[in-house]
N, C-alpha and C. Protein backbone atom coordinates (compact mmCIF):
# COMPACT_ATOMS: atom_id res chain seq x y z
N MET A 1 7.97 -0.49 16.91
CA MET A 1 7.34 0.54 16.11
C MET A 1 8.20 0.83 14.88
N ALA A 2 7.53 1.16 13.78
CA ALA A 2 8.25 1.48 12.56
C ALA A 2 9.03 2.77 12.75
N GLY A 3 10.00 3.00 11.88
CA GLY A 3 10.77 4.23 11.94
C GLY A 3 12.21 4.02 12.37
N ILE A 4 12.56 2.82 12.78
CA ILE A 4 13.92 2.50 13.16
C ILE A 4 14.68 2.17 11.87
N LEU A 5 15.99 2.31 11.88
CA LEU A 5 16.77 2.06 10.68
C LEU A 5 16.46 0.70 10.08
N ASN A 6 16.47 0.67 8.74
CA ASN A 6 16.26 -0.53 7.95
C ASN A 6 14.91 -1.19 8.17
N ASP A 7 13.89 -0.39 8.33
CA ASP A 7 12.53 -0.92 8.38
C ASP A 7 12.08 -1.28 6.99
N ARG A 8 11.37 -2.36 6.87
CA ARG A 8 10.72 -2.72 5.62
C ARG A 8 9.23 -2.44 5.78
N ILE A 9 8.67 -1.83 4.76
CA ILE A 9 7.26 -1.43 4.79
C ILE A 9 6.57 -1.97 3.56
N LEU A 10 5.44 -2.62 3.77
CA LEU A 10 4.59 -3.10 2.68
C LEU A 10 3.51 -2.06 2.44
N GLY A 11 3.48 -1.50 1.24
CA GLY A 11 2.40 -0.61 0.83
C GLY A 11 1.39 -1.41 0.03
N MET A 12 0.11 -1.19 0.28
CA MET A 12 -0.94 -1.95 -0.40
C MET A 12 -1.99 -1.00 -0.97
N ASP A 13 -2.24 -1.12 -2.26
CA ASP A 13 -3.31 -0.39 -2.94
C ASP A 13 -4.32 -1.44 -3.38
N MET A 14 -5.38 -1.60 -2.61
CA MET A 14 -6.26 -2.74 -2.77
C MET A 14 -7.47 -2.45 -3.66
N SER A 15 -7.77 -3.41 -4.54
CA SER A 15 -9.03 -3.46 -5.27
C SER A 15 -9.26 -4.92 -5.64
N LEU A 16 -10.47 -5.24 -5.98
CA LEU A 16 -10.82 -6.63 -6.24
C LEU A 16 -10.12 -7.18 -7.48
N ARG A 17 -10.01 -6.38 -8.53
CA ARG A 17 -9.48 -6.87 -9.81
C ARG A 17 -8.00 -6.58 -10.04
N SER A 18 -7.46 -5.54 -9.42
CA SER A 18 -6.05 -5.20 -9.62
C SER A 18 -5.51 -4.49 -8.38
N SER A 19 -4.78 -5.22 -7.56
CA SER A 19 -4.20 -4.67 -6.33
C SER A 19 -2.71 -4.47 -6.51
N GLY A 20 -2.22 -3.35 -6.01
CA GLY A 20 -0.79 -3.08 -6.05
C GLY A 20 -0.16 -3.39 -4.70
N LEU A 21 0.99 -4.03 -4.73
CA LEU A 21 1.76 -4.34 -3.52
C LEU A 21 3.19 -3.85 -3.74
N ALA A 22 3.77 -3.26 -2.73
CA ALA A 22 5.14 -2.77 -2.85
C ALA A 22 5.83 -2.82 -1.50
N VAL A 23 7.09 -3.22 -1.51
CA VAL A 23 7.90 -3.23 -0.30
C VAL A 23 9.08 -2.31 -0.51
N ILE A 24 9.25 -1.39 0.44
CA ILE A 24 10.42 -0.52 0.43
C ILE A 24 11.16 -0.70 1.74
N GLU A 25 12.41 -0.29 1.73
CA GLU A 25 13.21 -0.30 2.94
C GLU A 25 13.57 1.13 3.27
N SER A 26 13.39 1.48 4.53
CA SER A 26 13.69 2.82 5.00
C SER A 26 14.86 2.76 5.96
N ALA A 27 15.94 3.44 5.58
CA ALA A 27 17.12 3.53 6.45
C ALA A 27 17.36 5.02 6.69
N GLY A 28 16.77 5.53 7.76
CA GLY A 28 16.82 6.97 8.01
C GLY A 28 16.01 7.68 6.94
N SER A 29 16.65 8.59 6.20
CA SER A 29 15.94 9.30 5.13
C SER A 29 16.12 8.64 3.77
N VAL A 30 16.87 7.54 3.72
CA VAL A 30 17.12 6.83 2.46
C VAL A 30 16.07 5.75 2.27
N LEU A 31 15.40 5.79 1.12
CA LEU A 31 14.38 4.79 0.78
C LEU A 31 14.87 3.95 -0.39
N LYS A 32 14.65 2.65 -0.29
CA LYS A 32 15.11 1.71 -1.32
C LYS A 32 13.95 0.78 -1.67
N THR A 33 13.74 0.57 -2.95
CA THR A 33 12.70 -0.35 -3.41
C THR A 33 13.20 -1.78 -3.27
N ILE A 34 12.40 -2.60 -2.61
CA ILE A 34 12.71 -4.03 -2.51
C ILE A 34 11.98 -4.78 -3.62
N GLU A 35 10.68 -4.53 -3.75
CA GLU A 35 9.91 -5.16 -4.82
C GLU A 35 8.56 -4.46 -4.95
N TYR A 36 7.95 -4.63 -6.11
CA TYR A 36 6.57 -4.19 -6.31
C TYR A 36 5.94 -5.07 -7.38
N ARG A 37 4.63 -5.20 -7.27
CA ARG A 37 3.89 -6.06 -8.19
C ARG A 37 2.41 -5.74 -8.13
N ILE A 38 1.67 -6.32 -9.03
CA ILE A 38 0.22 -6.22 -8.96
C ILE A 38 -0.36 -7.63 -8.89
N ILE A 39 -1.49 -7.73 -8.23
CA ILE A 39 -2.25 -8.98 -8.18
C ILE A 39 -3.48 -8.77 -9.05
N LYS A 40 -3.57 -9.52 -10.12
CA LYS A 40 -4.69 -9.39 -11.07
C LYS A 40 -5.69 -10.51 -10.83
N ASN A 41 -6.96 -10.16 -10.94
CA ASN A 41 -8.06 -11.12 -10.91
C ASN A 41 -8.91 -10.89 -12.15
N PRO A 42 -9.07 -11.91 -12.99
CA PRO A 42 -9.88 -11.74 -14.20
C PRO A 42 -11.36 -11.54 -13.88
N PRO A 43 -12.09 -10.89 -14.78
CA PRO A 43 -13.51 -10.61 -14.53
C PRO A 43 -14.38 -11.85 -14.31
N ASN A 44 -13.97 -13.00 -14.86
CA ASN A 44 -14.78 -14.21 -14.71
C ASN A 44 -14.51 -14.96 -13.40
N ARG A 45 -13.57 -14.50 -12.59
CA ARG A 45 -13.26 -15.14 -11.31
C ARG A 45 -14.28 -14.69 -10.27
N SER A 46 -14.79 -15.61 -9.47
CA SER A 46 -15.78 -15.27 -8.44
C SER A 46 -15.14 -14.39 -7.37
N VAL A 47 -15.98 -13.69 -6.64
CA VAL A 47 -15.48 -12.82 -5.57
C VAL A 47 -14.69 -13.62 -4.55
N SER A 48 -15.19 -14.77 -4.15
CA SER A 48 -14.49 -15.57 -3.14
C SER A 48 -13.13 -16.04 -3.66
N GLU A 49 -13.05 -16.40 -4.93
CA GLU A 49 -11.76 -16.80 -5.52
C GLU A 49 -10.80 -15.60 -5.60
N CYS A 50 -11.35 -14.44 -5.92
CA CYS A 50 -10.53 -13.21 -5.95
C CYS A 50 -9.95 -12.91 -4.59
N LEU A 51 -10.79 -13.00 -3.55
CA LEU A 51 -10.33 -12.70 -2.19
C LEU A 51 -9.25 -13.68 -1.75
N LEU A 52 -9.41 -14.95 -2.09
CA LEU A 52 -8.40 -15.95 -1.75
C LEU A 52 -7.10 -15.66 -2.49
N HIS A 53 -7.20 -15.28 -3.77
CA HIS A 53 -6.01 -14.96 -4.57
C HIS A 53 -5.27 -13.76 -3.97
N VAL A 54 -6.01 -12.74 -3.56
CA VAL A 54 -5.40 -11.56 -2.93
C VAL A 54 -4.76 -11.95 -1.60
N PHE A 55 -5.49 -12.69 -0.77
CA PHE A 55 -4.96 -13.13 0.52
C PHE A 55 -3.63 -13.87 0.34
N ARG A 56 -3.61 -14.82 -0.59
CA ARG A 56 -2.39 -15.60 -0.84
C ARG A 56 -1.26 -14.73 -1.39
N GLY A 57 -1.61 -13.79 -2.27
CA GLY A 57 -0.60 -12.90 -2.85
C GLY A 57 0.04 -12.02 -1.80
N VAL A 58 -0.77 -11.46 -0.91
CA VAL A 58 -0.24 -10.62 0.17
C VAL A 58 0.61 -11.47 1.11
N LEU A 59 0.13 -12.64 1.46
CA LEU A 59 0.86 -13.53 2.36
C LEU A 59 2.21 -13.92 1.75
N GLU A 60 2.24 -14.18 0.46
CA GLU A 60 3.49 -14.54 -0.22
C GLU A 60 4.52 -13.41 -0.12
N VAL A 61 4.08 -12.17 -0.35
CA VAL A 61 4.99 -11.02 -0.24
C VAL A 61 5.46 -10.85 1.20
N LEU A 62 4.55 -11.02 2.16
CA LEU A 62 4.92 -10.91 3.57
C LEU A 62 5.98 -11.94 3.95
N GLU A 63 5.81 -13.16 3.49
CA GLU A 63 6.75 -14.23 3.83
C GLU A 63 8.11 -14.01 3.17
N ARG A 64 8.10 -13.52 1.92
CA ARG A 64 9.35 -13.34 1.18
C ARG A 64 10.11 -12.08 1.64
N ALA A 65 9.41 -10.96 1.77
CA ALA A 65 10.07 -9.67 2.04
C ALA A 65 10.21 -9.35 3.52
N ARG A 66 9.41 -9.97 4.35
CA ARG A 66 9.47 -9.79 5.81
C ARG A 66 9.40 -8.32 6.25
N PRO A 67 8.35 -7.59 5.85
CA PRO A 67 8.22 -6.19 6.31
C PRO A 67 7.86 -6.14 7.79
N GLN A 68 8.23 -5.04 8.44
CA GLN A 68 7.88 -4.83 9.85
C GLN A 68 6.53 -4.15 10.00
N ALA A 69 6.04 -3.51 8.94
CA ALA A 69 4.76 -2.81 8.99
C ALA A 69 4.14 -2.83 7.60
N ALA A 70 2.83 -2.62 7.56
CA ALA A 70 2.11 -2.50 6.31
C ALA A 70 1.26 -1.25 6.37
N ALA A 71 0.98 -0.68 5.20
CA ALA A 71 0.17 0.54 5.14
C ALA A 71 -0.76 0.46 3.94
N MET A 72 -1.94 1.06 4.10
CA MET A 72 -2.91 1.15 3.02
C MET A 72 -3.69 2.45 3.16
N GLU A 73 -4.36 2.83 2.09
CA GLU A 73 -5.21 4.01 2.17
C GLU A 73 -6.45 3.68 2.97
N GLY A 74 -6.93 4.66 3.72
CA GLY A 74 -8.18 4.50 4.43
C GLY A 74 -9.34 4.48 3.46
N VAL A 75 -10.47 4.04 3.91
CA VAL A 75 -11.66 3.99 3.07
C VAL A 75 -12.07 5.41 2.73
N PHE A 76 -12.36 5.63 1.48
CA PHE A 76 -12.80 6.93 1.02
C PHE A 76 -14.25 6.82 0.57
N PHE A 77 -14.85 7.90 0.23
CA PHE A 77 -16.25 7.93 -0.17
C PHE A 77 -16.44 7.19 -1.48
N CYS A 78 -17.38 6.25 -1.51
CA CYS A 78 -17.73 5.52 -2.73
C CYS A 78 -19.18 5.81 -3.08
N LYS A 79 -19.42 6.20 -4.32
CA LYS A 79 -20.79 6.45 -4.77
C LYS A 79 -21.53 5.15 -5.03
N ASN A 80 -20.80 4.11 -5.40
CA ASN A 80 -21.40 2.84 -5.75
C ASN A 80 -21.31 1.87 -4.57
N PHE A 81 -22.44 1.40 -4.09
CA PHE A 81 -22.50 0.51 -2.94
C PHE A 81 -21.73 -0.78 -3.20
N LYS A 82 -21.89 -1.38 -4.38
CA LYS A 82 -21.21 -2.64 -4.69
C LYS A 82 -19.69 -2.47 -4.68
N THR A 83 -19.23 -1.34 -5.17
CA THR A 83 -17.79 -1.06 -5.17
C THR A 83 -17.28 -0.93 -3.73
N ALA A 84 -18.04 -0.26 -2.90
CA ALA A 84 -17.65 -0.08 -1.50
C ALA A 84 -17.56 -1.43 -0.78
N VAL A 85 -18.53 -2.30 -1.02
CA VAL A 85 -18.53 -3.62 -0.38
C VAL A 85 -17.32 -4.43 -0.86
N ALA A 86 -17.07 -4.43 -2.17
CA ALA A 86 -15.94 -5.19 -2.72
C ALA A 86 -14.62 -4.66 -2.16
N LEU A 87 -14.49 -3.34 -2.06
CA LEU A 87 -13.28 -2.75 -1.51
C LEU A 87 -13.09 -3.17 -0.05
N GLY A 88 -14.17 -3.17 0.72
CA GLY A 88 -14.10 -3.61 2.11
C GLY A 88 -13.69 -5.07 2.22
N GLN A 89 -14.21 -5.89 1.33
CA GLN A 89 -13.87 -7.31 1.37
C GLN A 89 -12.39 -7.55 1.04
N VAL A 90 -11.89 -6.89 0.01
CA VAL A 90 -10.50 -7.11 -0.39
C VAL A 90 -9.54 -6.51 0.64
N ARG A 91 -9.93 -5.39 1.24
CA ARG A 91 -9.12 -4.84 2.34
C ARG A 91 -9.07 -5.83 3.49
N GLY A 92 -10.19 -6.44 3.79
CA GLY A 92 -10.24 -7.44 4.86
C GLY A 92 -9.33 -8.62 4.59
N ALA A 93 -9.28 -9.08 3.35
CA ALA A 93 -8.40 -10.20 2.99
C ALA A 93 -6.94 -9.81 3.21
N ALA A 94 -6.58 -8.59 2.81
CA ALA A 94 -5.19 -8.12 2.97
C ALA A 94 -4.85 -7.94 4.44
N ILE A 95 -5.77 -7.36 5.20
CA ILE A 95 -5.53 -7.15 6.63
C ILE A 95 -5.41 -8.49 7.35
N ALA A 96 -6.23 -9.46 6.97
CA ALA A 96 -6.17 -10.79 7.58
C ALA A 96 -4.83 -11.45 7.30
N ALA A 97 -4.31 -11.30 6.07
CA ALA A 97 -3.00 -11.87 5.73
C ALA A 97 -1.91 -11.23 6.60
N CYS A 98 -1.99 -9.92 6.77
CA CYS A 98 -1.00 -9.22 7.61
C CYS A 98 -1.11 -9.67 9.07
N ALA A 99 -2.34 -9.81 9.57
CA ALA A 99 -2.54 -10.26 10.94
C ALA A 99 -1.98 -11.67 11.13
N MET A 100 -2.18 -12.52 10.14
CA MET A 100 -1.67 -13.89 10.20
C MET A 100 -0.14 -13.90 10.28
N ALA A 101 0.49 -12.93 9.60
CA ALA A 101 1.95 -12.84 9.59
C ALA A 101 2.49 -12.01 10.76
N GLY A 102 1.60 -11.46 11.59
CA GLY A 102 2.03 -10.66 12.73
C GLY A 102 2.52 -9.27 12.34
N VAL A 103 2.04 -8.73 11.23
CA VAL A 103 2.46 -7.42 10.75
C VAL A 103 1.34 -6.41 10.98
N SER A 104 1.64 -5.34 11.70
CA SER A 104 0.66 -4.29 11.96
C SER A 104 0.35 -3.53 10.67
N VAL A 105 -0.91 -3.13 10.52
CA VAL A 105 -1.37 -2.38 9.35
C VAL A 105 -1.79 -0.99 9.79
N PHE A 106 -1.32 0.02 9.06
CA PHE A 106 -1.66 1.41 9.31
C PHE A 106 -2.39 1.94 8.09
N GLU A 107 -3.31 2.87 8.32
CA GLU A 107 -4.00 3.46 7.17
C GLU A 107 -3.84 4.97 7.17
N TYR A 108 -3.83 5.50 5.95
CA TYR A 108 -3.66 6.93 5.72
C TYR A 108 -4.75 7.43 4.78
N PRO A 109 -5.24 8.63 5.00
CA PRO A 109 -6.20 9.21 4.05
C PRO A 109 -5.51 9.41 2.69
N PRO A 110 -6.23 9.20 1.58
CA PRO A 110 -5.64 9.35 0.26
C PRO A 110 -4.94 10.70 0.05
N ARG A 111 -5.53 11.77 0.56
CA ARG A 111 -4.92 13.10 0.41
C ARG A 111 -3.58 13.18 1.15
N ARG A 112 -3.47 12.48 2.27
CA ARG A 112 -2.22 12.47 3.05
C ARG A 112 -1.12 11.76 2.27
N VAL A 113 -1.47 10.67 1.59
CA VAL A 113 -0.49 9.92 0.79
C VAL A 113 0.04 10.82 -0.33
N LYS A 114 -0.86 11.47 -1.04
CA LYS A 114 -0.45 12.36 -2.13
C LYS A 114 0.39 13.52 -1.61
N GLN A 115 0.01 14.05 -0.49
CA GLN A 115 0.76 15.15 0.11
C GLN A 115 2.17 14.71 0.49
N ALA A 116 2.29 13.50 1.02
CA ALA A 116 3.60 12.99 1.44
C ALA A 116 4.54 12.76 0.26
N VAL A 117 3.97 12.39 -0.88
CA VAL A 117 4.78 12.05 -2.04
C VAL A 117 4.97 13.23 -2.99
N VAL A 118 3.89 13.95 -3.27
CA VAL A 118 3.92 15.02 -4.26
C VAL A 118 4.01 16.40 -3.60
N GLY A 119 3.50 16.50 -2.37
CA GLY A 119 3.46 17.80 -1.70
C GLY A 119 2.15 18.51 -1.88
N TYR A 120 1.20 17.83 -2.55
CA TYR A 120 -0.11 18.42 -2.86
C TYR A 120 -1.16 17.31 -2.74
N GLY A 121 -2.12 17.50 -1.84
CA GLY A 121 -3.11 16.47 -1.54
C GLY A 121 -4.09 16.14 -2.64
N ALA A 122 -4.20 17.00 -3.65
CA ALA A 122 -5.12 16.73 -4.77
C ALA A 122 -4.36 16.38 -6.04
N ALA A 123 -3.14 15.89 -5.90
CA ALA A 123 -2.31 15.53 -7.06
C ALA A 123 -2.97 14.40 -7.86
N GLY A 124 -2.69 14.38 -9.14
CA GLY A 124 -3.20 13.34 -10.02
C GLY A 124 -2.34 12.09 -9.99
N LYS A 125 -2.89 10.99 -10.51
CA LYS A 125 -2.16 9.71 -10.53
C LYS A 125 -0.83 9.83 -11.27
N ASP A 126 -0.81 10.57 -12.38
CA ASP A 126 0.43 10.70 -13.14
C ASP A 126 1.50 11.44 -12.34
N GLN A 127 1.10 12.44 -11.55
CA GLN A 127 2.06 13.15 -10.71
C GLN A 127 2.63 12.22 -9.64
N VAL A 128 1.74 11.40 -9.05
CA VAL A 128 2.18 10.44 -8.02
C VAL A 128 3.19 9.47 -8.63
N GLN A 129 2.88 8.92 -9.82
CA GLN A 129 3.79 7.98 -10.48
C GLN A 129 5.16 8.59 -10.72
N LYS A 130 5.18 9.81 -11.24
CA LYS A 130 6.45 10.47 -11.55
C LYS A 130 7.27 10.75 -10.28
N MET A 131 6.62 11.18 -9.22
CA MET A 131 7.34 11.46 -7.97
C MET A 131 7.83 10.17 -7.31
N VAL A 132 7.04 9.10 -7.40
CA VAL A 132 7.48 7.80 -6.87
C VAL A 132 8.75 7.37 -7.60
N MET A 133 8.75 7.53 -8.92
CA MET A 133 9.94 7.17 -9.71
C MET A 133 11.15 8.00 -9.28
N ALA A 134 10.94 9.29 -9.05
CA ALA A 134 12.05 10.17 -8.66
C ALA A 134 12.55 9.85 -7.26
N ILE A 135 11.63 9.69 -6.31
CA ILE A 135 12.02 9.42 -4.92
C ILE A 135 12.78 8.11 -4.79
N LEU A 136 12.30 7.08 -5.50
CA LEU A 136 12.91 5.74 -5.38
C LEU A 136 13.94 5.46 -6.47
N LYS A 137 14.18 6.44 -7.34
CA LYS A 137 15.16 6.31 -8.42
C LYS A 137 14.88 5.08 -9.29
N LEU A 138 13.63 4.93 -9.69
CA LEU A 138 13.24 3.81 -10.55
C LEU A 138 13.55 4.15 -12.01
N ASN A 139 13.97 3.15 -12.76
CA ASN A 139 14.31 3.35 -14.17
C ASN A 139 13.09 3.28 -15.09
N GLU A 140 12.05 2.61 -14.63
CA GLU A 140 10.85 2.49 -15.45
C GLU A 140 9.61 2.79 -14.62
N GLU A 141 8.59 3.26 -15.30
CA GLU A 141 7.35 3.63 -14.63
C GLU A 141 6.58 2.38 -14.20
N PRO A 142 6.29 2.25 -12.92
CA PRO A 142 5.52 1.09 -12.47
C PRO A 142 4.05 1.23 -12.87
N HIS A 143 3.35 0.11 -12.94
CA HIS A 143 1.91 0.10 -13.16
C HIS A 143 1.27 1.05 -12.14
N SER A 144 0.19 1.71 -12.49
CA SER A 144 -0.40 2.72 -11.60
C SER A 144 -0.78 2.15 -10.23
N ASP A 145 -1.26 0.91 -10.17
CA ASP A 145 -1.59 0.32 -8.87
C ASP A 145 -0.33 0.06 -8.04
N ALA A 146 0.73 -0.38 -8.69
CA ALA A 146 2.00 -0.58 -7.97
C ALA A 146 2.59 0.76 -7.53
N ALA A 147 2.46 1.79 -8.38
CA ALA A 147 2.94 3.13 -8.02
C ALA A 147 2.18 3.65 -6.80
N ASP A 148 0.87 3.41 -6.75
CA ASP A 148 0.10 3.83 -5.58
C ASP A 148 0.55 3.09 -4.33
N ALA A 149 0.84 1.79 -4.46
CA ALA A 149 1.34 1.02 -3.32
C ALA A 149 2.69 1.55 -2.85
N LEU A 150 3.56 1.90 -3.79
CA LEU A 150 4.85 2.49 -3.44
C LEU A 150 4.64 3.83 -2.72
N ALA A 151 3.70 4.63 -3.22
CA ALA A 151 3.41 5.93 -2.59
C ALA A 151 2.92 5.75 -1.16
N ILE A 152 2.09 4.77 -0.93
CA ILE A 152 1.56 4.51 0.42
C ILE A 152 2.70 4.08 1.35
N ALA A 153 3.62 3.25 0.83
CA ALA A 153 4.77 2.83 1.64
C ALA A 153 5.68 4.03 1.95
N ILE A 154 5.88 4.90 0.97
CA ILE A 154 6.68 6.11 1.18
C ILE A 154 6.03 6.98 2.25
N CYS A 155 4.73 7.15 2.16
CA CYS A 155 3.99 7.95 3.14
C CYS A 155 4.22 7.39 4.55
N HIS A 156 4.12 6.08 4.70
CA HIS A 156 4.33 5.49 6.02
C HIS A 156 5.77 5.69 6.48
N ALA A 157 6.72 5.54 5.58
CA ALA A 157 8.12 5.75 5.96
C ALA A 157 8.35 7.17 6.46
N HIS A 158 7.73 8.14 5.80
CA HIS A 158 7.90 9.54 6.20
C HIS A 158 7.20 9.85 7.53
N ASN A 159 6.13 9.12 7.83
CA ASN A 159 5.32 9.44 8.99
C ASN A 159 5.47 8.48 10.16
N SER A 160 6.19 7.40 9.99
CA SER A 160 6.21 6.35 11.01
C SER A 160 6.79 6.80 12.35
N LYS A 161 7.68 7.77 12.32
CA LYS A 161 8.27 8.24 13.58
C LYS A 161 7.31 9.13 14.36
N HIS A 162 6.28 9.61 13.68
CA HIS A 162 5.37 10.58 14.29
C HIS A 162 3.91 10.14 14.17
N LEU A 163 3.65 8.85 14.25
CA LEU A 163 2.29 8.34 14.05
C LEU A 163 1.30 8.96 15.02
N HIS A 164 1.72 9.22 16.21
CA HIS A 164 0.81 9.79 17.20
C HIS A 164 0.39 11.21 16.83
N LEU A 165 1.15 11.89 16.00
CA LEU A 165 0.84 13.26 15.60
C LEU A 165 0.10 13.33 14.26
N MET A 166 0.19 12.27 13.46
CA MET A 166 -0.32 12.30 12.10
C MET A 166 -1.76 11.77 12.04
N ASN A 167 -2.39 12.05 10.91
CA ASN A 167 -3.73 11.55 10.66
C ASN A 167 -3.62 10.15 10.06
N SER A 168 -3.10 9.22 10.83
CA SER A 168 -3.04 7.82 10.45
C SER A 168 -3.51 7.02 11.64
N ARG A 169 -3.84 5.79 11.36
CA ARG A 169 -4.24 4.95 12.49
C ARG A 169 -3.89 3.50 12.20
N LYS A 170 -3.58 2.81 13.27
CA LYS A 170 -3.31 1.38 13.18
C LYS A 170 -4.64 0.66 13.14
N ILE A 171 -4.76 -0.28 12.23
CA ILE A 171 -6.03 -1.04 12.14
C ILE A 171 -5.79 -2.50 12.42
């Protein structure tokens, strides 16, 4: 189970066209950034090619960074049916890559992630970015998708010792 010293956690902020991936290391209360990046898919790339690109990108990070756990935001309400389907598909590609690597995936409600990082569940993206930079002592502002992935990893690091008490679930 996550929460033991020197755990590596992969945070994933998934979307079809721009997904954020981030790996942090948690040693007690000390958090250290290992890496973060975004996976871009151009608009002219087919959905199946996008999903394969995301799958390979996640698998590459898993193989290189060797995290013990992965975390992502749970599905939230989508007004657009096509967006919801695409989000489900890209989440599936990421979850499949983690399963292939033997890494458990946990999900957190978006409000819980913001609360864990900013202290306020309705915080804006800019607040999340600034707090991620402060918590991880980053010198430059990461892309918003990478910042969200870092925030999700931070949330898991803060909650991993108490998963049975928190509003998270292993998927």
